[in-house]
């Protein structure tokens, strides 16, 4: 299967501009990065699910971005990339509860639509982690390989890639210096994704899927 970016976004060539992409895997500070980029004035999408999401935003973060960084780099030259990373053992402990079960969507959509949502998400898990459910060894390998591969891909392009350890306290300083933005007042957003926030993010994701009639979904299969 050809990658979704070159296929799906060919329809949106007229709105292709350089963007900001978060390449960290889920639970490495992606929600914090999303809020920070939004506060800096970017139209940032947390977990893009349609080709139009990617084409029309200023910035995007999470798995569906992290899994396609090479294609995004080719299609959006001049873009900035931010790799959020975390201690791998802490990351695994955070992943285990969520990825040991099917995704739980409490949404007012039809059963057919719900199946499309679940298939999209499970296919993406399989692509990124090599398994749809938590397996410590496979998740560890997926994380370490992803971080290694991203850093190798951007070697010699330090102005294009920022490695950011949000969970270790890094925030406005390196982020704003990288993007050429003034440092905002106040502390950097820190999120533990409470249930209310998870629900809001899911609602936003499904709204974008419904807007496309579930027909413009990113190809998440490997």
N, C-alpha and C. Protein backbone atom coordinates (compact mmCIF):
# COMPACT_ATOMS: atom_id res chain seq x y z
N UNK A 1 0.85 -1.21 0.00
CA UNK A 1 0.00 0.00 0.00
C UNK A 1 0.88 1.25 0.00
N UNK A 2 0.57 2.18 -0.86
CA UNK A 2 1.31 3.43 -0.87
C UNK A 2 0.95 4.24 0.37
N UNK A 3 1.86 5.11 0.78
CA UNK A 3 1.59 5.84 2.02
C UNK A 3 0.47 6.85 1.83
N UNK A 4 -0.26 7.09 2.92
CA UNK A 4 -1.47 7.90 2.82
C UNK A 4 -1.18 9.34 2.45
N UNK A 5 -0.04 9.86 2.86
CA UNK A 5 0.21 11.28 2.66
C UNK A 5 0.27 11.61 1.18
N UNK A 6 1.07 10.87 0.42
CA UNK A 6 1.21 11.20 -0.99
C UNK A 6 -0.06 10.91 -1.75
N UNK A 7 -0.82 9.90 -1.34
CA UNK A 7 -2.07 9.58 -2.01
C UNK A 7 -3.18 10.52 -1.59
N UNK A 8 -3.47 10.55 -0.29
CA UNK A 8 -4.64 11.30 0.17
C UNK A 8 -4.52 12.79 0.00
N UNK A 9 -3.34 13.33 0.25
CA UNK A 9 -3.20 14.78 0.24
C UNK A 9 -2.92 15.36 -1.13
N UNK A 10 -2.84 14.52 -2.16
CA UNK A 10 -2.65 15.08 -3.50
C UNK A 10 -3.83 15.94 -3.90
N UNK A 11 -4.98 15.72 -3.25
CA UNK A 11 -6.17 16.50 -3.57
C UNK A 11 -6.10 17.89 -2.97
N UNK A 12 -5.16 18.12 -2.07
CA UNK A 12 -5.12 19.38 -1.35
C UNK A 12 -3.83 20.15 -1.64
N UNK A 13 -3.27 19.98 -2.83
CA UNK A 13 -2.00 20.61 -3.15
C UNK A 13 -2.04 22.12 -3.01
N UNK A 14 -3.23 22.70 -3.23
CA UNK A 14 -3.32 24.16 -3.20
C UNK A 14 -3.15 24.73 -1.81
N UNK A 15 -3.23 23.90 -0.77
CA UNK A 15 -3.09 24.43 0.59
C UNK A 15 -1.88 23.84 1.31
N UNK A 16 -0.94 23.29 0.55
CA UNK A 16 0.26 22.74 1.16
C UNK A 16 1.23 23.86 1.52
N UNK A 17 1.54 23.96 2.79
CA UNK A 17 2.53 24.91 3.30
C UNK A 17 3.34 24.17 4.37
N UNK A 18 4.45 24.75 4.77
CA UNK A 18 5.23 24.13 5.83
C UNK A 18 4.43 24.13 7.13
N UNK A 19 4.65 23.11 7.94
CA UNK A 19 3.87 22.90 9.15
C UNK A 19 4.77 22.50 10.30
N UNK A 20 4.15 22.20 11.43
CA UNK A 20 4.85 21.69 12.60
C UNK A 20 4.26 20.33 12.92
N UNK A 21 5.11 19.33 13.06
CA UNK A 21 4.63 17.98 13.32
C UNK A 21 5.28 17.41 14.58
N UNK A 22 4.43 16.89 15.48
CA UNK A 22 4.91 16.22 16.68
C UNK A 22 5.10 14.75 16.39
N UNK A 23 6.31 14.25 16.54
CA UNK A 23 6.63 12.88 16.16
C UNK A 23 6.68 11.92 17.34
N UNK A 24 6.37 12.39 18.53
CA UNK A 24 6.39 11.52 19.69
C UNK A 24 5.23 10.54 19.69
N UNK A 25 5.46 9.35 20.22
CA UNK A 25 4.39 8.38 20.39
C UNK A 25 3.46 8.85 21.51
N UNK A 26 2.25 8.32 21.52
CA UNK A 26 1.30 8.65 22.58
C UNK A 26 1.94 8.43 23.94
N UNK A 27 1.58 9.29 24.89
CA UNK A 27 2.03 9.20 26.28
C UNK A 27 3.50 9.62 26.46
N UNK A 28 3.97 10.44 25.54
CA UNK A 28 5.30 11.04 25.70
C UNK A 28 5.22 12.55 25.89
N UNK A 29 4.00 13.06 26.09
CA UNK A 29 3.81 14.50 26.22
C UNK A 29 3.13 15.12 25.02
N UNK A 30 2.46 14.30 24.22
CA UNK A 30 1.83 14.83 23.00
C UNK A 30 0.68 15.78 23.30
N UNK A 31 -0.08 15.50 24.35
CA UNK A 31 -1.18 16.41 24.69
C UNK A 31 -0.65 17.74 25.19
N UNK A 32 0.41 17.69 25.99
CA UNK A 32 1.03 18.93 26.45
C UNK A 32 1.57 19.73 25.27
N UNK A 33 2.19 19.06 24.31
CA UNK A 33 2.70 19.75 23.12
C UNK A 33 1.56 20.35 22.32
N UNK A 34 0.47 19.61 22.19
CA UNK A 34 -0.71 20.12 21.48
C UNK A 34 -1.20 21.42 22.11
N UNK A 35 -1.34 21.43 23.42
CA UNK A 35 -1.82 22.63 24.10
C UNK A 35 -0.81 23.77 23.96
N UNK A 36 0.47 23.47 24.04
CA UNK A 36 1.49 24.50 23.92
C UNK A 36 1.47 25.14 22.54
N UNK A 37 1.38 24.33 21.50
CA UNK A 37 1.34 24.87 20.13
C UNK A 37 0.08 25.69 19.91
N UNK A 38 -1.03 25.23 20.48
CA UNK A 38 -2.27 26.00 20.38
C UNK A 38 -2.11 27.36 21.07
N UNK A 39 -1.49 27.36 22.25
CA UNK A 39 -1.29 28.61 22.98
C UNK A 39 -0.38 29.56 22.20
N UNK A 40 0.53 29.02 21.42
CA UNK A 40 1.43 29.85 20.62
C UNK A 40 0.76 30.37 19.35
N UNK A 41 -0.50 29.99 19.14
CA UNK A 41 -1.25 30.55 18.03
C UNK A 41 -1.41 29.65 16.82
N UNK A 42 -0.94 28.41 16.93
CA UNK A 42 -1.05 27.49 15.80
C UNK A 42 -2.39 26.74 15.85
N UNK A 43 -2.95 26.48 14.69
CA UNK A 43 -4.11 25.60 14.58
C UNK A 43 -3.58 24.17 14.63
N UNK A 44 -3.55 23.61 15.84
CA UNK A 44 -2.94 22.30 16.06
C UNK A 44 -4.02 21.24 16.23
N UNK A 45 -3.87 20.13 15.53
CA UNK A 45 -4.81 19.02 15.64
C UNK A 45 -4.15 17.89 16.42
N UNK A 46 -4.80 17.46 17.47
CA UNK A 46 -4.35 16.32 18.26
C UNK A 46 -4.95 15.06 17.64
N UNK A 47 -4.09 14.21 17.11
CA UNK A 47 -4.49 12.95 16.49
C UNK A 47 -5.31 13.19 15.21
N UNK A 48 -4.67 13.67 14.14
CA UNK A 48 -5.38 13.81 12.86
C UNK A 48 -5.85 12.45 12.36
N UNK A 49 -7.04 12.41 11.79
CA UNK A 49 -7.61 11.15 11.33
C UNK A 49 -8.02 11.18 9.87
N UNK A 50 -8.07 12.36 9.27
CA UNK A 50 -8.41 12.46 7.85
C UNK A 50 -7.28 13.18 7.11
N UNK A 51 -7.22 12.97 5.82
CA UNK A 51 -6.22 13.65 5.01
C UNK A 51 -6.41 15.16 5.08
N UNK A 52 -7.66 15.62 5.16
CA UNK A 52 -7.92 17.04 5.23
C UNK A 52 -7.43 17.62 6.55
N UNK A 53 -7.48 16.83 7.63
CA UNK A 53 -6.90 17.28 8.90
C UNK A 53 -5.45 17.70 8.70
N UNK A 54 -4.68 16.83 8.07
CA UNK A 54 -3.27 17.10 7.85
C UNK A 54 -3.09 18.31 6.94
N UNK A 55 -3.85 18.34 5.86
CA UNK A 55 -3.65 19.38 4.85
C UNK A 55 -4.02 20.77 5.35
N UNK A 56 -5.00 20.86 6.23
CA UNK A 56 -5.55 22.17 6.58
C UNK A 56 -5.02 22.74 7.89
N UNK A 57 -4.27 21.95 8.68
CA UNK A 57 -3.80 22.44 9.98
C UNK A 57 -2.47 23.17 9.85
N UNK A 58 -2.10 23.86 10.93
CA UNK A 58 -0.76 24.43 11.05
C UNK A 58 0.20 23.43 11.69
N UNK A 59 -0.36 22.59 12.57
CA UNK A 59 0.46 21.66 13.34
C UNK A 59 -0.39 20.44 13.69
N UNK A 60 0.27 19.31 13.88
CA UNK A 60 -0.44 18.08 14.23
C UNK A 60 0.49 17.19 15.05
N UNK A 61 -0.11 16.43 15.97
CA UNK A 61 0.67 15.56 16.85
C UNK A 61 -0.03 14.23 17.04
N UNK A 62 0.72 13.25 17.48
CA UNK A 62 0.30 11.93 17.94
C UNK A 62 0.57 10.84 16.91
N UNK A 63 0.07 9.62 17.19
CA UNK A 63 0.49 8.43 16.46
C UNK A 63 0.34 8.54 14.95
N UNK A 64 -0.78 9.11 14.50
CA UNK A 64 -1.03 9.15 13.06
C UNK A 64 -0.08 10.10 12.35
N UNK A 65 0.62 10.93 13.10
CA UNK A 65 1.68 11.79 12.56
C UNK A 65 3.03 11.08 12.69
N UNK A 66 3.28 10.54 13.88
CA UNK A 66 4.56 9.90 14.15
C UNK A 66 4.85 8.75 13.19
N UNK A 67 3.80 8.08 12.74
CA UNK A 67 3.98 6.92 11.87
C UNK A 67 4.27 7.30 10.43
N UNK A 68 4.20 8.61 10.09
CA UNK A 68 4.32 9.03 8.69
C UNK A 68 5.32 10.17 8.50
N UNK A 69 6.29 10.29 9.38
CA UNK A 69 7.12 11.51 9.34
C UNK A 69 7.92 11.65 8.04
N UNK A 70 8.36 10.55 7.46
CA UNK A 70 9.13 10.66 6.22
C UNK A 70 8.27 11.21 5.08
N UNK A 71 7.04 10.72 4.97
CA UNK A 71 6.13 11.22 3.94
C UNK A 71 5.78 12.68 4.18
N UNK A 72 5.56 13.03 5.44
CA UNK A 72 5.24 14.42 5.77
C UNK A 72 6.41 15.34 5.43
N UNK A 73 7.61 14.88 5.67
CA UNK A 73 8.79 15.69 5.36
C UNK A 73 8.90 15.93 3.86
N UNK A 74 8.57 14.93 3.06
CA UNK A 74 8.63 15.08 1.60
C UNK A 74 7.54 16.01 1.09
N UNK A 75 6.35 15.88 1.63
CA UNK A 75 5.22 16.64 1.11
C UNK A 75 5.21 18.08 1.59
N UNK A 76 5.72 18.32 2.80
CA UNK A 76 5.69 19.67 3.39
C UNK A 76 7.11 20.15 3.66
N UNK A 77 7.88 20.46 2.62
CA UNK A 77 9.27 20.91 2.82
C UNK A 77 9.32 22.18 3.66
N UNK A 78 10.35 22.24 4.48
CA UNK A 78 10.51 23.40 5.35
C UNK A 78 9.77 23.29 6.66
N UNK A 79 9.14 22.15 6.91
CA UNK A 79 8.40 21.96 8.15
C UNK A 79 9.35 21.74 9.33
N UNK A 80 8.80 21.93 10.53
CA UNK A 80 9.53 21.69 11.77
C UNK A 80 8.97 20.43 12.43
N UNK A 81 9.85 19.65 13.02
CA UNK A 81 9.45 18.38 13.63
C UNK A 81 9.91 18.35 15.09
N UNK A 82 9.02 17.86 15.95
CA UNK A 82 9.30 17.83 17.39
C UNK A 82 9.10 16.41 17.90
N UNK A 83 10.16 15.81 18.38
CA UNK A 83 10.11 14.46 18.92
C UNK A 83 10.04 14.54 20.44
N UNK A 84 8.87 14.25 21.00
CA UNK A 84 8.76 14.17 22.46
C UNK A 84 9.20 12.77 22.88
N UNK A 85 10.04 12.71 23.90
CA UNK A 85 10.52 11.42 24.37
C UNK A 85 10.39 11.33 25.89
N UNK A 86 10.47 10.10 26.39
CA UNK A 86 10.21 9.83 27.80
C UNK A 86 11.01 8.61 28.23
N UNK A 87 11.34 8.53 29.49
CA UNK A 87 11.97 7.32 30.01
C UNK A 87 11.15 6.11 29.59
N UNK A 88 11.76 5.14 28.94
CA UNK A 88 11.00 4.07 28.32
C UNK A 88 10.25 3.22 29.35
N UNK A 89 10.82 3.01 30.53
CA UNK A 89 10.12 2.21 31.54
C UNK A 89 8.88 2.93 32.06
N UNK A 90 8.99 4.23 32.27
CA UNK A 90 7.82 5.01 32.67
C UNK A 90 6.78 5.04 31.56
N UNK A 91 7.24 5.11 30.33
CA UNK A 91 6.32 5.11 29.19
C UNK A 91 5.57 3.79 29.11
N UNK A 92 6.26 2.69 29.29
CA UNK A 92 5.61 1.38 29.25
C UNK A 92 4.56 1.25 30.34
N UNK A 93 4.89 1.71 31.54
CA UNK A 93 3.93 1.64 32.64
C UNK A 93 2.69 2.46 32.34
N UNK A 94 2.85 3.57 31.63
CA UNK A 94 1.72 4.41 31.27
C UNK A 94 0.90 3.79 30.15
N UNK A 95 1.56 3.07 29.25
CA UNK A 95 0.87 2.46 28.11
C UNK A 95 0.04 1.24 28.49
N UNK A 96 0.53 0.47 29.45
CA UNK A 96 -0.08 -0.83 29.75
C UNK A 96 -1.59 -0.77 29.98
N UNK A 97 -2.11 0.12 30.82
CA UNK A 97 -3.56 0.12 31.05
C UNK A 97 -4.38 0.43 29.80
N UNK A 98 -3.92 1.36 28.98
CA UNK A 98 -4.69 1.78 27.81
C UNK A 98 -4.64 0.76 26.69
N UNK A 99 -3.49 0.20 26.44
CA UNK A 99 -3.32 -0.64 25.26
C UNK A 99 -3.53 -2.13 25.53
N UNK A 100 -3.92 -2.48 26.74
CA UNK A 100 -4.22 -3.87 27.06
C UNK A 100 -5.65 -4.25 26.70
N UNK A 101 -6.41 -3.30 26.18
CA UNK A 101 -7.82 -3.55 25.86
C UNK A 101 -8.19 -2.83 24.57
N UNK A 102 -9.39 -3.11 24.09
CA UNK A 102 -9.90 -2.39 22.93
C UNK A 102 -10.08 -0.92 23.28
N UNK A 103 -9.97 -0.03 22.29
CA UNK A 103 -10.25 1.39 22.58
C UNK A 103 -11.68 1.56 23.04
N UNK A 104 -11.87 2.41 24.03
CA UNK A 104 -13.20 2.62 24.63
C UNK A 104 -13.73 3.97 24.18
N UNK A 105 -14.68 3.95 23.26
CA UNK A 105 -15.27 5.19 22.76
C UNK A 105 -16.73 5.26 23.19
N UNK A 106 -17.05 6.21 24.05
CA UNK A 106 -18.42 6.42 24.51
C UNK A 106 -19.02 7.52 23.64
N UNK A 107 -19.46 7.14 22.44
CA UNK A 107 -19.83 8.13 21.44
C UNK A 107 -21.21 7.85 20.86
N UNK A 108 -21.91 8.93 20.53
CA UNK A 108 -23.25 8.82 19.96
C UNK A 108 -23.15 8.67 18.45
N UNK A 109 -22.67 7.51 18.01
CA UNK A 109 -22.58 7.23 16.58
C UNK A 109 -23.13 5.83 16.34
N UNK A 110 -23.42 5.52 15.10
CA UNK A 110 -23.99 4.22 14.77
C UNK A 110 -22.96 3.12 14.98
N UNK A 111 -23.44 1.88 15.08
CA UNK A 111 -22.53 0.76 15.29
C UNK A 111 -21.58 0.60 14.10
N UNK A 112 -22.07 0.88 12.89
CA UNK A 112 -21.22 0.78 11.71
C UNK A 112 -20.11 1.83 11.75
N UNK A 113 -20.47 3.05 12.18
CA UNK A 113 -19.46 4.10 12.29
C UNK A 113 -18.45 3.77 13.38
N UNK A 114 -18.95 3.21 14.49
CA UNK A 114 -18.06 2.85 15.58
C UNK A 114 -17.04 1.80 15.14
N UNK A 115 -17.48 0.86 14.32
CA UNK A 115 -16.56 -0.16 13.82
C UNK A 115 -15.47 0.45 12.95
N UNK A 116 -15.82 1.47 12.17
CA UNK A 116 -14.82 2.16 11.35
C UNK A 116 -13.80 2.87 12.23
N UNK A 117 -14.29 3.49 13.31
CA UNK A 117 -13.39 4.18 14.23
C UNK A 117 -12.44 3.17 14.88
N UNK A 118 -12.99 2.07 15.37
CA UNK A 118 -12.16 1.08 16.05
C UNK A 118 -11.15 0.45 15.09
N UNK A 119 -11.58 0.16 13.86
CA UNK A 119 -10.67 -0.43 12.89
C UNK A 119 -9.51 0.52 12.59
N UNK A 120 -9.84 1.79 12.40
CA UNK A 120 -8.78 2.78 12.15
C UNK A 120 -7.76 2.77 13.28
N UNK A 121 -8.25 2.79 14.50
CA UNK A 121 -7.37 2.89 15.66
C UNK A 121 -6.56 1.61 15.87
N UNK A 122 -7.20 0.44 15.69
CA UNK A 122 -6.48 -0.81 15.88
C UNK A 122 -5.46 -1.04 14.78
N UNK A 123 -5.79 -0.65 13.54
CA UNK A 123 -4.82 -0.76 12.45
C UNK A 123 -3.60 0.12 12.73
N UNK A 124 -3.84 1.28 13.31
CA UNK A 124 -2.73 2.18 13.62
C UNK A 124 -1.86 1.61 14.73
N UNK A 125 -2.49 1.02 15.74
CA UNK A 125 -1.72 0.35 16.79
C UNK A 125 -0.82 -0.72 16.17
N UNK A 126 -1.39 -1.51 15.28
CA UNK A 126 -0.63 -2.60 14.65
C UNK A 126 0.54 -2.05 13.85
N UNK A 127 0.30 -0.96 13.14
CA UNK A 127 1.38 -0.37 12.34
C UNK A 127 2.51 0.15 13.20
N UNK A 128 2.17 0.85 14.28
CA UNK A 128 3.19 1.51 15.09
C UNK A 128 3.89 0.54 16.03
N UNK A 129 3.12 -0.33 16.68
CA UNK A 129 3.68 -1.19 17.73
C UNK A 129 3.91 -2.63 17.29
N UNK A 130 3.38 -3.01 16.13
CA UNK A 130 3.52 -4.39 15.68
C UNK A 130 2.51 -5.32 16.30
N UNK A 131 1.63 -4.78 17.13
CA UNK A 131 0.60 -5.55 17.80
C UNK A 131 -0.53 -4.60 18.20
N UNK A 132 -1.79 -5.05 18.13
CA UNK A 132 -2.88 -4.16 18.54
C UNK A 132 -3.04 -4.06 20.05
N UNK A 133 -2.41 -4.95 20.80
CA UNK A 133 -2.55 -4.96 22.26
C UNK A 133 -1.17 -4.90 22.92
N UNK A 134 -1.17 -4.42 24.14
CA UNK A 134 0.09 -4.19 24.85
C UNK A 134 0.88 -5.47 25.01
N UNK A 135 2.11 -5.41 24.59
CA UNK A 135 3.10 -6.45 24.81
C UNK A 135 4.39 -5.72 25.17
N UNK A 136 4.88 -5.93 26.37
CA UNK A 136 5.98 -5.10 26.86
C UNK A 136 7.19 -5.14 25.95
N UNK A 137 7.58 -6.32 25.51
CA UNK A 137 8.77 -6.43 24.67
C UNK A 137 8.58 -5.74 23.33
N UNK A 138 7.40 -5.92 22.73
CA UNK A 138 7.15 -5.32 21.42
C UNK A 138 7.01 -3.80 21.52
N UNK A 139 6.37 -3.34 22.57
CA UNK A 139 6.23 -1.89 22.76
C UNK A 139 7.59 -1.25 23.04
N UNK A 140 8.41 -1.91 23.84
CA UNK A 140 9.74 -1.38 24.13
C UNK A 140 10.55 -1.26 22.83
N UNK A 141 10.52 -2.31 22.03
CA UNK A 141 11.25 -2.29 20.77
C UNK A 141 10.71 -1.21 19.84
N UNK A 142 9.38 -1.08 19.79
CA UNK A 142 8.78 -0.07 18.92
C UNK A 142 9.19 1.33 19.33
N UNK A 143 9.18 1.59 20.64
CA UNK A 143 9.57 2.91 21.13
C UNK A 143 11.04 3.20 20.82
N UNK A 144 11.91 2.28 21.17
CA UNK A 144 13.34 2.50 20.97
C UNK A 144 13.68 2.63 19.50
N UNK A 145 13.05 1.81 18.66
CA UNK A 145 13.30 1.89 17.22
C UNK A 145 12.80 3.21 16.65
N UNK A 146 11.64 3.66 17.11
CA UNK A 146 11.08 4.92 16.60
C UNK A 146 11.99 6.09 16.94
N UNK A 147 12.41 6.18 18.18
CA UNK A 147 13.29 7.28 18.59
C UNK A 147 14.60 7.24 17.82
N UNK A 148 15.18 6.05 17.71
CA UNK A 148 16.44 5.90 16.98
C UNK A 148 16.28 6.29 15.51
N UNK A 149 15.20 5.82 14.88
CA UNK A 149 15.00 6.07 13.46
C UNK A 149 14.74 7.54 13.16
N UNK A 150 13.96 8.19 14.02
CA UNK A 150 13.69 9.62 13.82
C UNK A 150 14.99 10.42 13.91
N UNK A 151 15.78 10.14 14.94
CA UNK A 151 17.03 10.88 15.12
C UNK A 151 17.99 10.61 13.96
N UNK A 152 18.02 9.38 13.47
CA UNK A 152 18.90 9.06 12.34
C UNK A 152 18.42 9.75 11.07
N UNK A 153 17.12 9.78 10.87
CA UNK A 153 16.56 10.40 9.66
C UNK A 153 16.90 11.88 9.60
N UNK A 154 16.85 12.56 10.74
CA UNK A 154 17.10 14.00 10.77
C UNK A 154 18.55 14.36 11.12
N UNK A 155 19.43 13.38 11.11
CA UNK A 155 20.84 13.65 11.42
C UNK A 155 21.39 14.70 10.45
N UNK A 156 22.07 15.70 10.99
CA UNK A 156 22.59 16.78 10.17
C UNK A 156 21.58 17.86 9.85
N UNK A 157 20.37 17.72 10.38
CA UNK A 157 19.30 18.70 10.14
C UNK A 157 18.79 19.21 11.49
N UNK A 158 19.72 19.68 12.31
CA UNK A 158 19.36 20.09 13.67
C UNK A 158 18.34 21.22 13.70
N UNK A 159 18.29 22.03 12.66
CA UNK A 159 17.33 23.13 12.64
C UNK A 159 15.92 22.66 12.32
N UNK A 160 15.78 21.40 11.91
CA UNK A 160 14.46 20.86 11.56
C UNK A 160 13.85 20.01 12.66
N UNK A 161 14.66 19.48 13.57
CA UNK A 161 14.16 18.56 14.60
C UNK A 161 14.52 19.06 15.99
N UNK A 162 13.50 19.11 16.86
CA UNK A 162 13.69 19.37 18.28
C UNK A 162 13.33 18.11 19.05
N UNK A 163 14.22 17.67 19.91
CA UNK A 163 13.93 16.56 20.82
C UNK A 163 13.56 17.19 22.16
N UNK A 164 12.35 16.91 22.62
CA UNK A 164 11.79 17.60 23.79
C UNK A 164 11.35 16.58 24.84
N UNK A 165 11.85 16.73 26.05
CA UNK A 165 11.47 15.84 27.16
C UNK A 165 10.50 16.57 28.08
N UNK A 166 9.24 16.58 27.69
CA UNK A 166 8.22 17.29 28.45
C UNK A 166 8.10 16.72 29.85
N UNK A 167 8.15 15.39 29.97
CA UNK A 167 7.98 14.76 31.28
C UNK A 167 9.15 15.03 32.21
N UNK A 168 10.26 15.51 31.67
CA UNK A 168 11.43 15.87 32.49
C UNK A 168 11.49 17.36 32.76
N UNK A 169 10.44 18.08 32.39
CA UNK A 169 10.37 19.50 32.72
C UNK A 169 10.74 20.46 31.61
N UNK A 170 11.14 19.95 30.44
CA UNK A 170 11.44 20.85 29.33
C UNK A 170 10.14 21.41 28.75
N UNK A 171 10.17 22.67 28.34
CA UNK A 171 8.94 23.27 27.85
C UNK A 171 9.17 24.49 26.99
N UNK A 172 8.72 25.65 27.51
CA UNK A 172 8.71 26.86 26.69
C UNK A 172 10.07 27.24 26.15
N UNK A 173 11.12 27.09 26.95
CA UNK A 173 12.44 27.54 26.51
C UNK A 173 12.88 26.92 25.19
N UNK A 174 13.11 25.60 25.18
CA UNK A 174 13.56 24.98 23.92
C UNK A 174 12.51 25.04 22.82
N UNK A 175 11.23 24.93 23.17
CA UNK A 175 10.19 24.95 22.14
C UNK A 175 10.13 26.30 21.44
N UNK A 176 10.09 27.37 22.19
CA UNK A 176 9.97 28.70 21.59
C UNK A 176 11.25 29.10 20.85
N UNK A 177 12.39 28.71 21.38
CA UNK A 177 13.64 28.99 20.67
C UNK A 177 13.65 28.27 19.32
N UNK A 178 13.18 27.06 19.30
CA UNK A 178 13.14 26.25 18.07
C UNK A 178 12.21 26.86 17.03
N UNK A 179 11.07 27.38 17.49
CA UNK A 179 10.06 27.92 16.58
C UNK A 179 10.22 29.41 16.32
N UNK A 180 11.14 30.05 17.03
CA UNK A 180 11.32 31.48 16.86
C UNK A 180 10.18 32.30 17.43
N UNK A 181 9.63 31.83 18.54
CA UNK A 181 8.51 32.49 19.20
C UNK A 181 8.95 33.08 20.54
N UNK A 182 8.26 34.14 20.96
CA UNK A 182 8.50 34.68 22.29
C UNK A 182 7.96 33.71 23.34
N UNK A 183 8.62 33.68 24.48
CA UNK A 183 8.20 32.78 25.55
C UNK A 183 6.94 33.34 26.21
N UNK A 184 5.85 32.58 26.28
CA UNK A 184 4.64 33.06 26.96
C UNK A 184 4.85 33.15 28.46
N UNK A 185 4.01 33.94 29.10
CA UNK A 185 4.00 33.96 30.56
C UNK A 185 3.34 32.68 31.06
N UNK A 186 3.66 32.31 32.25
CA UNK A 186 3.03 31.14 32.85
C UNK A 186 3.79 29.86 32.57
N UNK A 187 3.41 28.82 33.28
CA UNK A 187 4.10 27.54 33.17
C UNK A 187 3.65 26.78 31.93
N UNK A 188 4.48 25.86 31.51
CA UNK A 188 4.18 25.00 30.36
C UNK A 188 3.08 24.04 30.75
N UNK A 189 2.13 23.83 29.85
CA UNK A 189 0.98 22.97 30.14
C UNK A 189 1.45 21.55 30.44
N UNK A 190 0.93 20.98 31.51
CA UNK A 190 1.23 19.60 31.86
C UNK A 190 -0.08 18.84 31.97
N UNK A 191 -0.18 17.74 31.22
CA UNK A 191 -1.45 17.01 31.17
C UNK A 191 -1.25 15.56 31.59
N UNK A 192 -2.16 15.08 32.42
CA UNK A 192 -2.21 13.65 32.70
C UNK A 192 -3.44 13.03 32.05
N UNK A 193 -4.08 13.78 31.16
CA UNK A 193 -5.23 13.28 30.41
C UNK A 193 -6.30 12.71 31.34
N UNK A 194 -6.95 13.56 32.09
CA UNK A 194 -8.05 13.08 32.91
C UNK A 194 -9.20 12.64 32.00
N UNK A 195 -10.19 11.98 32.56
CA UNK A 195 -11.24 11.39 31.75
C UNK A 195 -12.02 12.44 30.98
N UNK A 196 -12.20 13.61 31.55
CA UNK A 196 -12.91 14.67 30.84
C UNK A 196 -12.15 15.10 29.60
N UNK A 197 -10.84 15.21 29.74
CA UNK A 197 -10.02 15.61 28.59
C UNK A 197 -10.01 14.53 27.53
N UNK A 198 -9.90 13.26 27.93
CA UNK A 198 -9.94 12.16 26.98
C UNK A 198 -11.24 12.20 26.19
N UNK A 199 -12.36 12.43 26.88
CA UNK A 199 -13.66 12.49 26.22
C UNK A 199 -13.71 13.63 25.21
N UNK A 200 -13.17 14.79 25.59
CA UNK A 200 -13.16 15.94 24.67
C UNK A 200 -12.33 15.65 23.43
N UNK A 201 -11.17 15.03 23.62
CA UNK A 201 -10.31 14.71 22.48
C UNK A 201 -10.97 13.68 21.57
N UNK A 202 -11.63 12.69 22.16
CA UNK A 202 -12.34 11.70 21.36
C UNK A 202 -13.48 12.33 20.58
N UNK A 203 -14.23 13.21 21.24
CA UNK A 203 -15.34 13.88 20.57
C UNK A 203 -14.85 14.68 19.37
N UNK A 204 -13.73 15.37 19.55
CA UNK A 204 -13.18 16.17 18.46
C UNK A 204 -12.73 15.27 17.31
N UNK A 205 -12.10 14.16 17.62
CA UNK A 205 -11.64 13.23 16.60
C UNK A 205 -12.81 12.68 15.80
N UNK A 206 -13.87 12.27 16.49
CA UNK A 206 -15.03 11.70 15.81
C UNK A 206 -15.75 12.76 14.98
N UNK A 207 -15.80 13.98 15.48
CA UNK A 207 -16.44 15.05 14.71
C UNK A 207 -15.73 15.24 13.38
N UNK A 208 -14.41 15.14 13.38
CA UNK A 208 -13.67 15.28 12.13
C UNK A 208 -13.90 14.09 11.20
N UNK A 209 -14.02 12.90 11.78
CA UNK A 209 -14.35 11.73 10.96
C UNK A 209 -15.73 11.86 10.33
N UNK A 210 -16.70 12.29 11.14
CA UNK A 210 -18.07 12.42 10.65
C UNK A 210 -18.16 13.48 9.56
N UNK A 211 -17.41 14.56 9.72
CA UNK A 211 -17.43 15.63 8.72
C UNK A 211 -16.99 15.11 7.36
N UNK A 212 -16.11 14.12 7.36
CA UNK A 212 -15.64 13.54 6.10
C UNK A 212 -16.51 12.36 5.65
N UNK A 213 -17.61 12.10 6.40
CA UNK A 213 -18.47 10.95 6.12
C UNK A 213 -17.69 9.63 6.20
N UNK A 214 -16.66 9.63 7.02
CA UNK A 214 -15.82 8.44 7.22
C UNK A 214 -15.20 7.95 5.91
N UNK A 215 -15.01 8.86 4.96
CA UNK A 215 -14.52 8.47 3.63
C UNK A 215 -13.15 9.05 3.30
N UNK A 216 -12.58 9.85 4.15
CA UNK A 216 -11.30 10.50 3.87
C UNK A 216 -10.28 10.13 4.94
N UNK A 217 -10.44 8.93 5.50
CA UNK A 217 -9.59 8.56 6.63
C UNK A 217 -8.17 8.27 6.18
N UNK A 218 -7.24 8.66 7.03
CA UNK A 218 -5.84 8.34 6.80
C UNK A 218 -5.69 6.83 6.70
N UNK A 219 -4.90 6.38 5.75
CA UNK A 219 -4.61 4.96 5.62
C UNK A 219 -3.61 4.57 6.70
N UNK A 220 -4.10 3.88 7.72
CA UNK A 220 -3.23 3.57 8.86
C UNK A 220 -2.63 2.18 8.79
N UNK A 221 -3.06 1.38 7.83
CA UNK A 221 -2.53 0.03 7.76
C UNK A 221 -1.09 0.04 7.26
N UNK A 222 -0.33 -0.93 7.73
CA UNK A 222 1.08 -1.01 7.32
C UNK A 222 1.20 -1.47 5.88
